Amino acid sequence: MGKEPRNIWKDLLEASTAPLNLVVSTFIGLAIGYGLDSLFGTSPYLTIIFLILGIIAGFRELFRFARRQARNGDGKEDK
């Protein structure tokens, strides 16, 4: 027969993880930077650097998610 329609619950679950990934990666970067600053006494430099890296990682994952959703909307399957 034809192609089965995408499950709406699966799409909703995937869409809800996108902002969560952004927030979690930001806080992980902040925590790593804060921990390293406490260990080495370099406050606030490593906190700022790892916070920025966490934000970049979060947005990178957000763009990957958007690209994956766009590909799936065009009828192409996810690898």
PDB file of N, CA and C in Angstrom:
ATOM      1  N   MET A   1       0.824  -1.183   0.000  1.00  0.00           N
ATOM      2  CA  MET A   1       0.000   0.000   0.000  1.00  0.00           C
ATOM      3  C   MET A   1       0.865   1.242   0.000  1.00  0.00           C
ATOM      4  N   GLY A   2       0.394   2.299   0.635  1.00  0.00           N
ATOM      5  CA  GLY A   2       1.142   3.551   0.675  1.00  0.00           C
ATOM      6  C   GLY A   2       1.986   3.667   1.919  1.00  0.00           C
ATOM      7  N   LYS A   3       2.617   4.793   1.996  1.00  0.00           N
ATOM      8  CA  LYS A   3       3.466   5.065   3.151  1.00  0.00           C
ATOM      9  C   LYS A   3       2.587   5.399   4.360  1.00  0.00           C
ATOM     10  N   GLU A   4       2.941   4.851   5.533  1.00  0.00           N
ATOM     11  CA  GLU A   4       2.177   5.115   6.738  1.00  0.00           C
ATOM     12  C   GLU A   4       2.411   6.554   7.199  1.00  0.00           C
ATOM     13  N   PRO A   5       1.361   7.229   7.706  1.00  0.00           N
ATOM     14  CA  PRO A   5       1.563   8.598   8.220  1.00  0.00           C
ATOM     15  C   PRO A   5       2.417   8.565   9.480  1.00  0.00           C
ATOM     16  N   ARG A   6       3.193   9.612   9.662  1.00  0.00           N
ATOM     17  CA  ARG A   6       4.049   9.698  10.851  1.00  0.00           C
ATOM     18  C   ARG A   6       3.184   9.786  12.095  1.00  0.00           C
ATOM     19  N   ASN A   7       3.636   9.159  13.122  1.00  0.00           N
ATOM     20  CA  ASN A   7       2.921   9.160  14.384  1.00  0.00           C
ATOM     21  C   ASN A   7       3.030  10.541  15.031  1.00  0.00           C
ATOM     22  N   ILE A   8       1.890  11.154  15.338  1.00  0.00           N
ATOM     23  CA  ILE A   8       1.871  12.500  15.908  1.00  0.00           C
ATOM     24  C   ILE A   8       2.530  12.533  17.286  1.00  0.00           C
ATOM     25  N   TRP A   9       2.388  11.465  18.061  1.00  0.00           N
ATOM     26  CA  TRP A   9       2.988  11.423  19.394  1.00  0.00           C
ATOM     27  C   TRP A   9       4.506  11.368  19.309  1.00  0.00           C
ATOM     28  N   LYS A  10       5.011  10.661  18.331  1.00  0.00           N
ATOM     29  CA  LYS A  10       6.467  10.598  18.141  1.00  0.00           C
ATOM     30  C   LYS A  10       7.000  11.984  17.763  1.00  0.00           C
ATOM     31  N   ASP A  11       6.300  12.666  16.875  1.00  0.00           N
ATOM     32  CA  ASP A  11       6.704  14.017  16.479  1.00  0.00           C
ATOM     33  C   ASP A  11       6.668  14.979  17.672  1.00  0.00           C
ATOM     34  N   LEU A  12       5.630  14.881  18.495  1.00  0.00           N
ATOM     35  CA  LEU A  12       5.516  15.741  19.670  1.00  0.00           C
ATOM     36  C   LEU A  12       6.629  15.464  20.666  1.00  0.00           C
ATOM     37  N   LEU A  13       6.952  14.206  20.865  1.00  0.00           N
ATOM     38  CA  LEU A  13       8.028  13.844  21.785  1.00  0.00           C
ATOM     39  C   LEU A  13       9.369  14.374  21.282  1.00  0.00           C
ATOM     40  N   GLU A  14       9.631  14.218  19.998  1.00  0.00           N
ATOM     41  CA  GLU A  14      10.878  14.727  19.427  1.00  0.00           C
ATOM     42  C   GLU A  14      10.942  16.249  19.514  1.00  0.00           C
ATOM     43  N   ALA A  15       9.822  16.922  19.261  1.00  0.00           N
ATOM     44  CA  ALA A  15       9.801  18.383  19.320  1.00  0.00           C
ATOM     45  C   ALA A  15       9.991  18.893  20.748  1.00  0.00           C
ATOM     46  N   SER A  16       9.537  18.145  21.724  1.00  0.00           N
ATOM     47  CA  SER A  16       9.691  18.592  23.108  1.00  0.00           C
ATOM     48  C   SER A  16      11.120  18.410  23.614  1.00  0.00           C
ATOM     49  N   THR A  17      11.889  17.552  22.980  1.00  0.00           N
ATOM     50  CA  THR A  17      13.261  17.354  23.421  1.00  0.00           C
ATOM     51  C   THR A  17      14.201  18.438  22.890  1.00  0.00           C
ATOM     52  N   ALA A  18      13.824  19.130  21.839  1.00  0.00           N
ATOM     53  CA  ALA A  18      14.701  20.144  21.246  1.00  0.00           C
ATOM     54  C   ALA A  18      15.020  21.277  22.231  1.00  0.00           C
ATOM     55  N   PRO A  19      14.031  21.929  22.854  1.00  0.00           N
ATOM     56  CA  PRO A  19      14.390  22.978  23.817  1.00  0.00           C
ATOM     57  C   PRO A  19      15.053  22.419  25.071  1.00  0.00           C
ATOM     58  N   LEU A  20      14.701  21.203  25.433  1.00  0.00           N
ATOM     59  CA  LEU A  20      15.325  20.582  26.598  1.00  0.00           C
ATOM     60  C   LEU A  20      16.819  20.371  26.355  1.00  0.00           C
ATOM     61  N   ASN A  21      17.186  19.943  25.155  1.00  0.00           N
ATOM     62  CA  ASN A  21      18.606  19.770  24.815  1.00  0.00           C
ATOM     63  C   ASN A  21      19.354  21.091  24.897  1.00  0.00           C
ATOM     64  N   LEU A  22      18.722  22.164  24.461  1.00  0.00           N
ATOM     65  CA  LEU A  22      19.357  23.480  24.504  1.00  0.00           C
ATOM     66  C   LEU A  22      19.642  23.902  25.942  1.00  0.00           C
ATOM     67  N   VAL A  23      18.663  23.732  26.817  1.00  0.00           N
ATOM     68  CA  VAL A  23      18.824  24.131  28.210  1.00  0.00           C
ATOM     69  C   VAL A  23      19.839  23.238  28.925  1.00  0.00           C
ATOM     70  N   VAL A  24      19.745  21.934  28.716  1.00  0.00           N
ATOM     71  CA  VAL A  24      20.636  21.006  29.409  1.00  0.00           C
ATOM     72  C   VAL A  24      22.085  21.221  28.984  1.00  0.00           C
ATOM     73  N   SER A  25      22.333  21.381  27.700  1.00  0.00           N
ATOM     74  CA  SER A  25      23.714  21.576  27.251  1.00  0.00           C
ATOM     75  C   SER A  25      24.286  22.896  27.774  1.00  0.00           C
ATOM     76  N   THR A  26      23.454  23.922  27.886  1.00  0.00           N
ATOM     77  CA  THR A  26      23.910  25.196  28.453  1.00  0.00           C
ATOM     78  C   THR A  26      24.313  25.022  29.915  1.00  0.00           C
ATOM     79  N   PHE A  27      23.474  24.338  30.693  1.00  0.00           N
ATOM     80  CA  PHE A  27      23.790  24.141  32.109  1.00  0.00           C
ATOM     81  C   PHE A  27      24.973  23.203  32.313  1.00  0.00           C
ATOM     82  N   ILE A  28      25.128  22.219  31.448  1.00  0.00           N
ATOM     83  CA  ILE A  28      26.295  21.336  31.559  1.00  0.00           C
ATOM     84  C   ILE A  28      27.574  22.127  31.298  1.00  0.00           C
ATOM     85  N   GLY A  29      27.573  22.971  30.276  1.00  0.00           N
ATOM     86  CA  GLY A  29      28.728  23.811  30.002  1.00  0.00           C
ATOM     87  C   GLY A  29      29.026  24.744  31.162  1.00  0.00           C
ATOM     88  N   LEU A  30      27.985  25.321  31.741  1.00  0.00           N
ATOM     89  CA  LEU A  30      28.150  26.207  32.890  1.00  0.00           C
ATOM     90  C   LEU A  30      28.730  25.451  34.085  1.00  0.00           C
ATOM     91  N   ALA A  31      28.227  24.265  34.342  1.00  0.00           N
ATOM     92  CA  ALA A  31      28.704  23.478  35.484  1.00  0.00           C
ATOM     93  C   ALA A  31      30.160  23.047  35.303  1.00  0.00           C
ATOM     94  N   ILE A  32      30.519  22.630  34.096  1.00  0.00           N
ATOM     95  CA  ILE A  32      31.909  22.240  33.844  1.00  0.00           C
ATOM     96  C   ILE A  32      32.837  23.433  34.032  1.00  0.00           C
ATOM     97  N   GLY A  33      32.457  24.574  33.487  1.00  0.00           N
ATOM     98  CA  GLY A  33      33.276  25.776  33.630  1.00  0.00           C
ATOM     99  C   GLY A  33      33.401  26.224  35.066  1.00  0.00           C
ATOM    100  N   TYR A  34      32.307  26.178  35.804  1.00  0.00           N
ATOM    101  CA  TYR A  34      32.333  26.570  37.206  1.00  0.00           C
ATOM    102  C   TYR A  34      33.208  25.620  38.024  1.00  0.00           C
ATOM    103  N   GLY A  35      33.079  24.333  37.730  1.00  0.00           N
ATOM    104  CA  GLY A  35      33.895  23.348  38.435  1.00  0.00           C
ATOM    105  C   GLY A  35      35.379  23.519  38.159  1.00  0.00           C
ATOM    106  N   LEU A  36      35.715  23.761  36.903  1.00  0.00           N
ATOM    107  CA  LEU A  36      37.122  23.964  36.556  1.00  0.00           C
ATOM    108  C   LEU A  36      37.656  25.270  37.139  1.00  0.00           C
ATOM    109  N   ASP A  37      36.820  26.299  37.159  1.00  0.00           N
ATOM    110  CA  ASP A  37      37.238  27.558  37.780  1.00  0.00           C
ATOM    111  C   ASP A  37      37.492  27.376  39.274  1.00  0.00           C
ATOM    112  N   SER A  38      36.641  26.610  39.928  1.00  0.00           N
ATOM    113  CA  SER A  38      36.849  26.350  41.353  1.00  0.00           C
ATOM    114  C   SER A  38      38.120  25.544  41.585  1.00  0.00           C
ATOM    115  N   LEU A  39      38.402  24.609  40.690  1.00  0.00           N
ATOM    116  CA  LEU A  39      39.573  23.754  40.833  1.00  0.00           C
ATOM    117  C   LEU A  39      40.870  24.521  40.600  1.00  0.00           C
ATOM    118  N   PHE A  40      40.876  25.348  39.555  1.00  0.00           N
ATOM    119  CA  PHE A  40      42.108  26.042  39.171  1.00  0.00           C
ATOM    120  C   PHE A  40      42.192  27.484  39.657  1.00  0.00           C
ATOM    121  N   GLY A  41      41.098  28.028  40.193  1.00  0.00           N
ATOM    122  CA  GLY A  41      41.102  29.407  40.681  1.00  0.00           C
ATOM    123  C   GLY A  41      41.186  30.442  39.577  1.00  0.00           C
ATOM    124  N   THR A  42      40.581  30.165  38.439  1.00  0.00           N
ATOM    125  CA  THR A  42      40.648  31.070  37.283  1.00  0.00           C
ATOM    126  C   THR A  42      39.342  31.819  37.058  1.00  0.00           C
ATOM    127  N   SER A  43      38.525  31.948  38.074  1.00  0.00           N
ATOM    128  CA  SER A  43      37.198  32.523  37.939  1.00  0.00           C
ATOM    129  C   SER A  43      37.259  33.908  37.307  1.00  0.00           C
ATOM    130  N   PRO A  44      36.403  34.256  36.422  1.00  0.00           N
ATOM    131  CA  PRO A  44      35.264  33.604  35.791  1.00  0.00           C
ATOM    132  C   PRO A  44      35.564  33.115  34.376  1.00  0.00           C
ATOM    133  N   TYR A  45      36.827  33.019  34.006  1.00  0.00           N
ATOM    134  CA  TYR A  45      37.185  32.786  32.612  1.00  0.00           C
ATOM    135  C   TYR A  45      36.697  31.442  32.070  1.00  0.00           C
ATOM    136  N   LEU A  46      36.961  30.365  32.771  1.00  0.00           N
ATOM    137  CA  LEU A  46      36.537  29.059  32.278  1.00  0.00           C
ATOM    138  C   LEU A  46      35.019  28.900  32.321  1.00  0.00           C
ATOM    139  N   THR A  47      34.377  29.542  33.282  1.00  0.00           N
ATOM    140  CA  THR A  47      32.915  29.505  33.336  1.00  0.00           C
ATOM    141  C   THR A  47      32.323  30.140  32.089  1.00  0.00           C
ATOM    142  N   ILE A  48      32.850  31.285  31.706  1.00  0.00           N
ATOM    143  CA  ILE A  48      32.348  31.980  30.513  1.00  0.00           C
ATOM    144  C   ILE A  48      32.626  31.167  29.256  1.00  0.00           C
ATOM    145  N   ILE A  49      33.827  30.632  29.145  1.00  0.00           N
ATOM    146  CA  ILE A  49      34.194  29.850  27.951  1.00  0.00           C
ATOM    147  C   ILE A  49      33.311  28.621  27.810  1.00  0.00           C
ATOM    148  N   PHE A  50      33.138  27.863  28.899  1.00  0.00           N
ATOM    149  CA  PHE A  50      32.333  26.644  28.811  1.00  0.00           C
ATOM    150  C   PHE A  50      30.846  26.943  28.704  1.00  0.00           C
ATOM    151  N   LEU A  51      30.396  28.058  29.237  1.00  0.00           N
ATOM    152  CA  LEU A  51      29.007  28.466  29.045  1.00  0.00           C
ATOM    153  C   LEU A  51      28.749  28.730  27.560  1.00  0.00           C
ATOM    154  N   ILE A  52      29.651  29.444  26.925  1.00  0.00           N
ATOM    155  CA  ILE A  52      29.508  29.716  25.484  1.00  0.00           C
ATOM    156  C   ILE A  52      29.553  28.421  24.681  1.00  0.00           C
ATOM    157  N   LEU A  53      30.463  27.518  25.045  1.00  0.00           N
ATOM    158  CA  LEU A  53      30.534  26.224  24.349  1.00  0.00           C
ATOM    159  C   LEU A  53      29.247  25.419  24.539  1.00  0.00           C
ATOM    160  N   GLY A  54      28.663  25.470  25.725  1.00  0.00           N
ATOM    161  CA  GLY A  54      27.403  24.778  25.974  1.00  0.00           C
ATOM    162  C   GLY A  54      26.267  25.355  25.151  1.00  0.00           C
ATOM    163  N   ILE A  55      26.219  26.673  25.037  1.00  0.00           N
ATOM    164  CA  ILE A  55      25.185  27.322  24.225  1.00  0.00           C
ATOM    165  C   ILE A  55      25.361  26.950  22.760  1.00  0.00           C
ATOM    166  N   ILE A  56      26.590  26.945  22.282  1.00  0.00           N
ATOM    167  CA  ILE A  56      26.857  26.565  20.890  1.00  0.00           C
ATOM    168  C   ILE A  56      26.427  25.125  20.643  1.00  0.00           C
ATOM    169  N   ALA A  57      26.751  24.235  21.576  1.00  0.00           N
ATOM    170  CA  ALA A  57      26.365  22.829  21.423  1.00  0.00           C
ATOM    171  C   ALA A  57      24.849  22.677  21.404  1.00  0.00           C
ATOM    172  N   GLY A  58      24.152  23.435  22.234  1.00  0.00           N
ATOM    173  CA  GLY A  58      22.697  23.375  22.259  1.00  0.00           C
ATOM    174  C   GLY A  58      22.073  23.848  20.957  1.00  0.00           C
ATOM    175  N   PHE A  59      22.565  24.957  20.423  1.00  0.00           N
ATOM    176  CA  PHE A  59      22.029  25.455  19.156  1.00  0.00           C
ATOM    177  C   PHE A  59      22.392  24.545  17.990  1.00  0.00           C
ATOM    178  N   ARG A  60      23.570  23.947  18.062  1.00  0.00           N
ATOM    179  CA  ARG A  60      23.964  22.993  17.017  1.00  0.00           C
ATOM    180  C   ARG A  60      22.990  21.812  16.975  1.00  0.00           C
ATOM    181  N   GLU A  61      22.636  21.301  18.137  1.00  0.00           N
ATOM    182  CA  GLU A  61      21.673  20.202  18.203  1.00  0.00           C
ATOM    183  C   GLU A  61      20.289  20.654  17.753  1.00  0.00           C
ATOM    184  N   LEU A  62      19.922  21.887  18.070  1.00  0.00           N
ATOM    185  CA  LEU A  62      18.637  22.433  17.631  1.00  0.00           C
ATOM    186  C   LEU A  62      18.578  22.531  16.112  1.00  0.00           C
ATOM    187  N   PHE A  63      19.666  22.980  15.484  1.00  0.00           N
ATOM    188  CA  PHE A  63      19.703  23.060  14.022  1.00  0.00           C
ATOM    189  C   PHE A  63      19.695  21.669  13.381  1.00  0.00           C
ATOM    190  N   ARG A  64      20.373  20.715  14.006  1.00  0.00           N
ATOM    191  CA  ARG A  64      20.329  19.331  13.508  1.00  0.00           C
ATOM    192  C   ARG A  64      18.905  18.791  13.547  1.00  0.00           C
ATOM    193  N   PHE A  65      18.206  19.073  14.643  1.00  0.00           N
ATOM    194  CA  PHE A  65      16.821  18.633  14.779  1.00  0.00           C
ATOM    195  C   PHE A  65      15.941  19.260  13.699  1.00  0.00           C
ATOM    196  N   ALA A  66      16.112  20.565  13.479  1.00  0.00           N
ATOM    197  CA  ALA A  66      15.309  21.258  12.464  1.00  0.00           C
ATOM    198  C   ALA A  66      15.588  20.699  11.069  1.00  0.00           C
ATOM    199  N   ARG A  67      16.857  20.421  10.779  1.00  0.00           N
ATOM    200  CA  ARG A  67      17.215  19.854   9.480  1.00  0.00           C
ATOM    201  C   ARG A  67      16.609  18.454   9.307  1.00  0.00           C
ATOM    202  N   ARG A  68      16.641  17.662  10.388  1.00  0.00           N
ATOM    203  CA  ARG A  68      16.081  16.316  10.347  1.00  0.00           C
ATOM    204  C   ARG A  68      14.572  16.373  10.119  1.00  0.00           C
ATOM    205  N   GLN A  69      13.894  17.305  10.787  1.00  0.00           N
ATOM    206  CA  GLN A  69      12.460  17.453  10.605  1.00  0.00           C
ATOM    207  C   GLN A  69      12.113  17.920   9.191  1.00  0.00           C
ATOM    208  N   ALA A  70      12.911  18.810   8.641  1.00  0.00           N
ATOM    209  CA  ALA A  70      12.674  19.287   7.282  1.00  0.00           C
ATOM    210  C   ALA A  70      12.860  18.150   6.275  1.00  0.00           C
ATOM    211  N   ARG A  71      13.872  17.341   6.506  1.00  0.00           N
ATOM    212  CA  ARG A  71      14.111  16.184   5.616  1.00  0.00           C
ATOM    213  C   ARG A  71      12.956  15.208   5.685  1.00  0.00           C
ATOM    214  N   ASN A  72      12.461  14.938   6.895  1.00  0.00           N
ATOM    215  CA  ASN A  72      11.360  14.005   7.053  1.00  0.00           C
ATOM    216  C   ASN A  72      10.075  14.558   6.468  1.00  0.00           C
ATOM    217  N   GLY A  73       9.915  15.858   6.488  1.00  0.00           N
ATOM    218  CA  GLY A  73       8.728  16.474   5.899  1.00  0.00           C
ATOM    219  C   GLY A  73       8.728  16.405   4.386  1.00  0.00           C
ATOM    220  N   ASP A  74       9.906  16.310   3.781  1.00  0.00           N
ATOM    221  CA  ASP A  74      10.016  16.204   2.333  1.00  0.00           C
ATOM    222  C   ASP A  74       9.815  14.783   1.840  1.00  0.00           C
ATOM    223  N   GLY A  75       9.612  13.842   2.747  1.00  0.00           N
ATOM    224  CA  GLY A  75       9.387  12.461   2.350  1.00  0.00           C
ATOM    225  C   GLY A  75      10.639  11.616   2.374  1.00  0.00           C
ATOM    226  N   LYS A  76      11.763  12.204   2.744  1.00  0.00           N
ATOM    227  CA  LYS A  76      12.997  11.437   2.844  1.00  0.00           C
ATOM    228  C   LYS A  76      13.100  10.825   4.218  1.00  0.00           C
ATOM    229  N   GLU A  77      13.606   9.630   4.287  1.00  0.00           N
ATOM    230  CA  GLU A  77      13.727   8.942   5.566  1.00  0.00           C
ATOM    231  C   GLU A  77      14.995   9.387   6.291  1.00  0.00           C
ATOM    232  N   ASP A  78      14.949   9.364   7.611  1.00  0.00           N
ATOM    233  CA  ASP A  78      16.103   9.669   8.457  1.00  0.00           C
ATOM    234  C   ASP A  78      17.045   8.490   8.456  1.00  0.00           C
ATOM    235  N   LYS A  79      18.354   8.769   8.351  1.00  0.00           N
ATOM    236  CA  LYS A  79      19.338   7.690   8.309  1.00  0.00           C
ATOM    237  C   LYS A  79      19.603   7.134   9.663  1.00  0.00           C
TER     238      LYS A  79
END
